[in-house]
C-alpha atoms as a PDB file:
ATOM      1  CA  MET A   1     -85.836-133.211   1.298  1.00  0.00           C
ATOM      2  CA  ASP A   2     -88.203-131.202   3.703  1.00  0.00           C
ATOM      3  CA  PHE A   3     -85.598-128.760   4.622  1.00  0.00           C
ATOM      4  CA  LEU A   4     -84.977-127.948   0.694  1.00  0.00           C
ATOM      5  CA  LYS A   5     -88.662-127.621   0.147  1.00  0.00           C
ATOM      6  CA  LEU A   6     -88.929-125.264   3.306  1.00  0.00           C
ATOM      7  CA  LEU A   7     -86.116-123.177   1.832  1.00  0.00           C
ATOM      8  CA  ILE A   8     -87.577-122.908  -1.549  1.00  0.00           C
ATOM      9  CA  VAL A   9     -91.079-121.986  -0.267  1.00  0.00           C
ATOM     10  CA  GLY A  10     -89.479-119.398   2.056  1.00  0.00           C
ATOM     11  CA  THR A  11     -87.540-117.888  -0.594  1.00  0.00           C
ATOM     12  CA  VAL A  12     -90.385-117.593  -3.036  1.00  0.00           C
ATOM     13  CA  VAL A  13     -92.834-116.002  -0.291  1.00  0.00           C
ATOM     14  CA  CYS A  14     -90.098-113.587   0.811  1.00  0.00           C
ATOM     15  CA  GLY A  15     -89.359-112.658  -2.773  1.00  0.00           C
ATOM     16  CA  ILE A  16     -92.956-111.946  -3.493  1.00  0.00           C
ATOM     17  CA  LEU A  17     -93.420-109.814  -0.264  1.00  0.00           C
ATOM     18  CA  ASP A  18     -90.215-107.761  -1.292  1.00  0.00           C
ATOM     19  CA  LEU A  19     -91.429-107.283  -4.664  1.00  0.00           C
ATOM     20  CA  LEU A  20     -94.875-105.900  -3.507  1.00  0.00           C
ATOM     21  CA  THR A  21     -92.923-103.826  -0.745  1.00  0.00           C
ATOM     22  CA  ALA A  22     -90.859-102.450  -3.630  1.00  0.00           C
ATOM     23  CA  ARG A  23     -94.018-101.380  -5.496  1.00  0.00           C
ATOM     24  CA  VAL A  24     -95.835 -99.907  -2.799  1.00  0.00           C
ATOM     25  CA  THR A  25     -92.972 -97.847  -1.133  1.00  0.00           C
ATOM     26  CA  LYS A  26     -92.249 -94.274  -2.169  1.00  0.00           C
ATOM     27  CA  LYS A  27     -88.916 -93.903  -3.782  1.00  0.00           C
ATOM     28  CA  SER A  28     -87.912 -90.699  -2.033  1.00  0.00           C
ATOM     29  CA  THR A  29     -89.558 -88.401   0.457  1.00  0.00           C
ATOM     30  CA  SER A  30     -88.703 -84.686   0.725  1.00  0.00           C
ATOM     31  CA  SER A  31     -90.859 -84.045   3.743  1.00  0.00           C
ATOM     32  CA  LEU A  32     -89.116 -83.507   7.004  1.00  0.00           C
ATOM     33  CA  THR A  33     -91.994 -84.072   9.028  1.00  0.00           C
ATOM     34  CA  HIS A  34     -93.510 -87.287   7.786  1.00  0.00           C
ATOM     35  CA  PHE A  35     -91.027 -90.059   6.694  1.00  0.00           C
ATOM     36  CA  THR A  36     -90.139 -93.728   7.290  1.00  0.00           C
ATOM     37  CA  ILE A  37     -86.750 -95.026   7.455  1.00  0.00           C
ATOM     38  CA  ARG A  38     -86.716 -98.766   6.114  1.00  0.00           C
ATOM     39  CA  ALA A  39     -84.153-101.162   4.927  1.00  0.00           C
ATOM     40  CA  PRO A  40     -83.499-100.806   1.086  1.00  0.00           C
ATOM     41  CA  ILE A  41     -84.788-103.209  -1.320  1.00  0.00           C
ATOM     42  CA  ASN A  42     -81.254-104.014  -2.341  1.00  0.00           C
ATOM     43  CA  PHE A  43     -81.056-105.974   0.885  1.00  0.00           C
ATOM     44  CA  ALA A  44     -83.634-108.428  -0.339  1.00  0.00           C
ATOM     45  CA  PHE A  45     -81.680-108.787  -3.540  1.00  0.00           C
ATOM     46  CA  LEU A  46     -78.477-109.855  -1.620  1.00  0.00           C
ATOM     47  CA  GLY A  47     -80.617-112.211   0.543  1.00  0.00           C
ATOM     48  CA  THR A  48     -82.046-113.817  -2.520  1.00  0.00           C
ATOM     49  CA  VAL A  49     -78.656-114.300  -4.022  1.00  0.00           C
ATOM     50  CA  GLY A  50     -77.350-115.982  -0.788  1.00  0.00           C
ATOM     51  CA  MET A  51     -80.635-118.316  -0.553  1.00  0.00           C
ATOM     52  CA  VAL A  52     -80.421-119.318  -4.205  1.00  0.00           C
ATOM     53  CA  LEU A  53     -76.530-120.255  -3.794  1.00  0.00           C
ATOM     54  CA  SER A  54     -77.584-122.240  -0.732  1.00  0.00           C
ATOM     55  CA  ILE A  55     -80.559-124.069  -2.305  1.00  0.00           C
ATOM     56  CA  GLY A  56     -78.273-124.738  -5.325  1.00  0.00           C
ATOM     57  CA  ALA A  57     -75.599-126.246  -3.154  1.00  0.00           C
ATOM     58  CA  ILE A  58     -78.088-128.583  -1.356  1.00  0.00           C
ATOM     59  CA  TRP A  59     -79.934-129.383  -4.503  1.00  0.00           C
ATOM     60  CA  PHE A  60     -76.546-130.303  -6.077  1.00  0.00           C
ATOM     61  CA  CYS A  61     -75.521-132.708  -3.147  1.00  0.00           C
ATOM     62  CA  LYS A  62     -79.040-134.386  -3.357  1.00  0.00           C
ATOM     63  CA  TYR A  63     -78.554-134.886  -7.151  1.00  0.00           C
ATOM     64  CA  GLU A  64     -75.163-136.153  -6.962  1.00  0.00           C
ATOM     65  CA  LYS A  65     -76.379-138.409  -4.097  1.00  0.00           C
ATOM     66  CA  THR A  66     -73.647-136.992  -1.727  1.00  0.00           C
ATOM     67  CA  ASP A  67     -74.292-136.515   1.850  1.00  0.00           C
ATOM     68  CA  ILE A  68     -73.399-133.116   3.333  1.00  0.00           C
ATOM     69  CA  PRO A  69     -71.316-133.621   6.736  1.00  0.00           C
ATOM     70  CA  MET A  70     -73.305-132.111   9.626  1.00  0.00           C
ATOM     71  CA  SER A  71     -70.573-129.662  10.490  1.00  0.00           C
ATOM     72  CA  VAL A  72     -70.657-128.139   6.949  1.00  0.00           C
ATOM     73  CA  PHE A  73     -74.493-128.326   6.841  1.00  0.00           C
ATOM     74  CA  LEU A  74     -74.502-126.154  10.252  1.00  0.00           C
ATOM     75  CA  ILE A  75     -71.829-123.677   8.977  1.00  0.00           C
ATOM     76  CA  LEU A  76     -74.177-123.387   5.882  1.00  0.00           C
ATOM     77  CA  ILE A  77     -77.142-122.604   7.899  1.00  0.00           C
ATOM     78  CA  VAL A  78     -75.455-120.261  10.349  1.00  0.00           C
ATOM     79  CA  VAL A  79     -73.182-118.384   7.756  1.00  0.00           C
ATOM     80  CA  ILE A  80     -75.323-118.220   4.633  1.00  0.00           C
ATOM     81  CA  ILE A  81     -78.988-119.086   5.217  1.00  0.00           C
ATOM     82  CA  VAL A  82     -80.004-117.333   8.189  1.00  0.00           C
ATOM     83  CA  PRO A  83     -78.280-114.116   7.189  1.00  0.00           C
ATOM     84  CA  SER A  84     -79.894-114.300   3.791  1.00  0.00           C
ATOM     85  CA  LEU A  85     -83.279-114.744   5.146  1.00  0.00           C
ATOM     86  CA  LEU A  86     -82.767-111.830   7.600  1.00  0.00           C
ATOM     87  CA  LEU A  87     -81.763-109.739   4.527  1.00  0.00           C
ATOM     88  CA  MET A  88     -84.730-110.721   2.583  1.00  0.00           C
ATOM     89  CA  VAL A  89     -87.231-110.028   5.348  1.00  0.00           C
ATOM     90  CA  ALA A  90     -85.726-106.664   6.377  1.00  0.00           C
ATOM     91  CA  PRO A  91     -87.261-104.384   3.636  1.00  0.00           C
ATOM     92  CA  ILE A  92     -90.868-105.665   4.441  1.00  0.00           C
ATOM     93  CA  LYS A  93     -93.106-103.202   6.190  1.00  0.00           C
ATOM     94  CA  TYR A  94     -92.884-103.199   9.974  1.00  0.00           C
ATOM     95  CA  VAL A  95     -89.881-105.406  10.165  1.00  0.00           C
ATOM     96  CA  TRP A  96     -87.275-102.746  10.851  1.00  0.00           C
ATOM     97  CA  ASP A  97     -88.767 -99.237  10.571  1.00  0.00           C
ATOM     98  CA  VAL A  98     -88.093 -95.749  12.091  1.00  0.00           C
ATOM     99  CA  ILE A  99     -91.349 -93.743  11.720  1.00  0.00           C
ATOM    100  CA  VAL A 100     -91.176 -89.905  12.033  1.00  0.00           C
ATOM    101  CA  GLU A 101     -94.430 -87.985  12.290  1.00  0.00           C
ATOM    102  CA  ASN A 102     -94.161 -84.167  13.400  1.00  0.00           C
ATOM    103  CA  ASP A 103     -92.594 -84.660  17.053  1.00  0.00           C
ATOM    104  CA  ASP A 104     -93.272 -88.400  17.380  1.00  0.00           C
ATOM    105  CA  ILE A 105     -90.673 -91.036  16.493  1.00  0.00           C
ATOM    106  CA  THR A 106     -91.762 -94.715  16.505  1.00  0.00           C
ATOM    107  CA  VAL A 107     -89.109 -97.586  16.250  1.00  0.00           C
ATOM    108  CA  ILE A 108     -90.568-100.911  15.173  1.00  0.00           C
ATOM    109  CA  LYS A 109     -88.387-104.090  15.275  1.00  0.00           C
ATOM    110  CA  GLY A 110     -89.737-107.370  14.146  1.00  0.00           C
ATOM    111  CA  PHE A 111     -93.252-106.654  14.042  1.00  0.00           C
ATOM    112  CA  ILE A 112     -93.518-106.728  17.945  1.00  0.00           C
ATOM    113  CA  TYR A 113     -91.227-104.479  19.622  1.00  0.00           C
ATOM    114  CA  ARG A 114     -92.251-100.834  19.439  1.00  0.00           C
ATOM    115  CA  ARG A 115     -90.840 -97.964  21.230  1.00  0.00           C
ATOM    116  CA  HIS A 116     -91.817 -94.329  21.079  1.00  0.00           C
ATOM    117  CA  TRP A 117     -89.940 -91.024  21.551  1.00  0.00           C
ATOM    118  CA  LYS A 118     -90.443 -87.423  20.984  1.00  0.00           C
ATOM    119  CA  PHE A 119     -88.069 -85.654  18.752  1.00  0.00           C
ATOM    120  CA  SER A 120     -87.874 -82.881  21.283  1.00  0.00           C
ATOM    121  CA  SER A 121     -86.489 -85.200  23.879  1.00  0.00           C
ATOM    122  CA  ILE A 122     -83.570 -86.088  21.619  1.00  0.00           C
ATOM    123  CA  GLN A 123     -80.367 -84.980  23.299  1.00  0.00           C
ATOM    124  CA  TYR A 124     -77.802 -85.887  20.727  1.00  0.00           C
ATOM    125  CA  ALA A 125     -76.674 -88.430  18.126  1.00  0.00           C
ATOM    126  CA  LYS A 126     -73.066 -90.096  17.695  1.00  0.00           C
ATOM    127  CA  ALA A 127     -72.271 -90.688  14.054  1.00  0.00           C
ATOM    128  CA  GLY A 128     -70.314 -94.073  13.388  1.00  0.00           C
ATOM    129  CA  ARG A 129     -69.771 -96.451  10.599  1.00  0.00           C
ATOM    130  CA  GLY A 130     -73.037 -98.083  10.478  1.00  0.00           C
ATOM    131  CA  GLY A 131     -75.204 -94.937  11.086  1.00  0.00           C
ATOM    132  CA  LEU A 132     -76.461 -92.556  13.874  1.00  0.00           C
ATOM    133  CA  LYS A 133     -76.756 -93.658  17.490  1.00  0.00           C
ATOM    134  CA  VAL A 134     -79.497 -91.517  19.007  1.00  0.00           C
ATOM    135  CA  TYR A 135     -79.641 -90.667  22.767  1.00  0.00           C
ATOM    136  CA  VAL A 136     -82.521 -89.195  24.466  1.00  0.00           C
ATOM    137  CA  ASN A 137     -82.802 -87.232  27.705  1.00  0.00           C
ATOM    138  CA  GLY A 138     -82.523 -89.310  30.872  1.00  0.00           C
ATOM    139  CA  LYS A 139     -80.843 -92.288  29.201  1.00  0.00           C
ATOM    140  CA  LYS A 140     -77.157 -93.100  29.156  1.00  0.00           C
ATOM    141  CA  ARG A 141     -77.538 -95.945  26.763  1.00  0.00           C
ATOM    142  CA  LYS A 142     -78.575 -95.328  23.134  1.00  0.00           C
ATOM    143  CA  ALA A 143     -82.440 -95.029  22.507  1.00  0.00           C
ATOM    144  CA  PHE A 144     -82.386 -96.333  18.770  1.00  0.00           C
ATOM    145  CA  ALA A 145     -80.170 -96.399  15.792  1.00  0.00           C
ATOM    146  CA  VAL A 146     -80.709 -94.987  12.364  1.00  0.00           C
ATOM    147  CA  ASP A 147     -78.867 -96.720   9.482  1.00  0.00           C
ATOM    148  CA  THR A 148     -77.365 -94.183   6.999  1.00  0.00           C
ATOM    149  CA  MET A 149     -77.719 -96.811   4.143  1.00  0.00           C
ATOM    150  CA  CYS A 150     -81.486 -96.557   4.265  1.00  0.00           C
ATOM    151  CA  PRO A 151     -83.234 -94.166   1.703  1.00  0.00           C
ATOM    152  CA  ALA A 152     -84.738 -91.747   4.255  1.00  0.00           C
ATOM    153  CA  SER A 153     -81.913 -91.328   6.674  1.00  0.00           C
ATOM    154  CA  GLN A 154     -80.820 -88.205   5.228  1.00  0.00           C
ATOM    155  CA  ASN A 155     -84.188 -86.789   6.152  1.00  0.00           C
ATOM    156  CA  PHE A 156     -83.296 -87.674   9.692  1.00  0.00           C
ATOM    157  CA  ILE A 157     -80.211 -85.894   9.660  1.00  0.00           C
ATOM    158  CA  GLU A 158     -81.660 -82.929   8.044  1.00  0.00           C
ATOM    159  CA  ARG A 159     -84.321 -82.835  10.729  1.00  0.00           C
ATOM    160  CA  MET A 160     -81.791 -83.127  13.471  1.00  0.00           C
ATOM    161  CA  GLU A 161     -79.931 -80.155  11.943  1.00  0.00           C
ATOM    162  CA  LYS A 162     -83.137 -78.287  11.697  1.00  0.00           C
ATOM    163  CA  GLU A 163     -84.043 -78.703  15.283  1.00  0.00           C
ATOM    164  CA  ASN A 164     -80.566 -77.922  16.379  1.00  0.00           C
ATOM    165  CA  LYS A 165     -79.659 -81.303  17.785  1.00  0.00           C
ATOM    166  CA  PRO A 166     -75.917 -82.020  17.861  1.00  0.00           C
ATOM    167  CA  ILE A 167     -74.551 -84.787  15.956  1.00  0.00           C
ATOM    168  CA  ILE A 168     -71.210 -85.904  17.085  1.00  0.00           C
ATOM    169  CA  TYR A 169     -68.684 -87.133  14.471  1.00  0.00           C
ATOM    170  CA  PRO A 170     -65.685 -89.468  14.764  1.00  0.00           C
ATOM    171  CA  GLN A 171     -62.514 -87.436  15.166  1.00  0.00           C
ATOM    172  CA  GLU A 172     -60.022 -88.026  12.298  1.00  0.00           C
ATOM    173  CA  ASP A 173     -56.875 -89.768  13.211  1.00  0.00           C
ATOM    174  CA  LYS A 174     -54.345 -86.966  12.801  1.00  0.00           C
ATOM    175  CA  ALA A 175     -51.275 -89.441  12.957  1.00  0.00           C
ATOM    176  CA  ASN A 176     -51.902 -90.431   9.205  1.00  0.00           C
END
């Protein structure tokens, strides 16, 4: 019962934070010098649907006085509850942001992890299924990634083109 209460409270709190974030967030930014790339509010909606379904399943089992086997409960937690919670939290400010201000790029992950780069230090970017993997001078590994589903990601791509930074697109398979 405590777990069910925790899920309900967590869903309500995240939902309220997402609604407040949606009201405060600018819908579109035309500036190429000042913009923030953040997960879209649609992620929160998908997370809310997953949480409501899992809360409904647990509530139904409690109402019917049926015990959920531990293996099924663990699968429910790992496959539905944790990803839904992460989706609900993603659009909140400073959870996952790429902030571009003139030449400065700040990448924030999970309120705590912050890295700073300069736009002038970007060497190239590789386009893939999920978005752009950005590489900076002096590093062989990617510095950060930009998800192309996010609203301001097009601004980042346009800024890369404006700064004459190459974007490497995957080759089409010529066998088809």
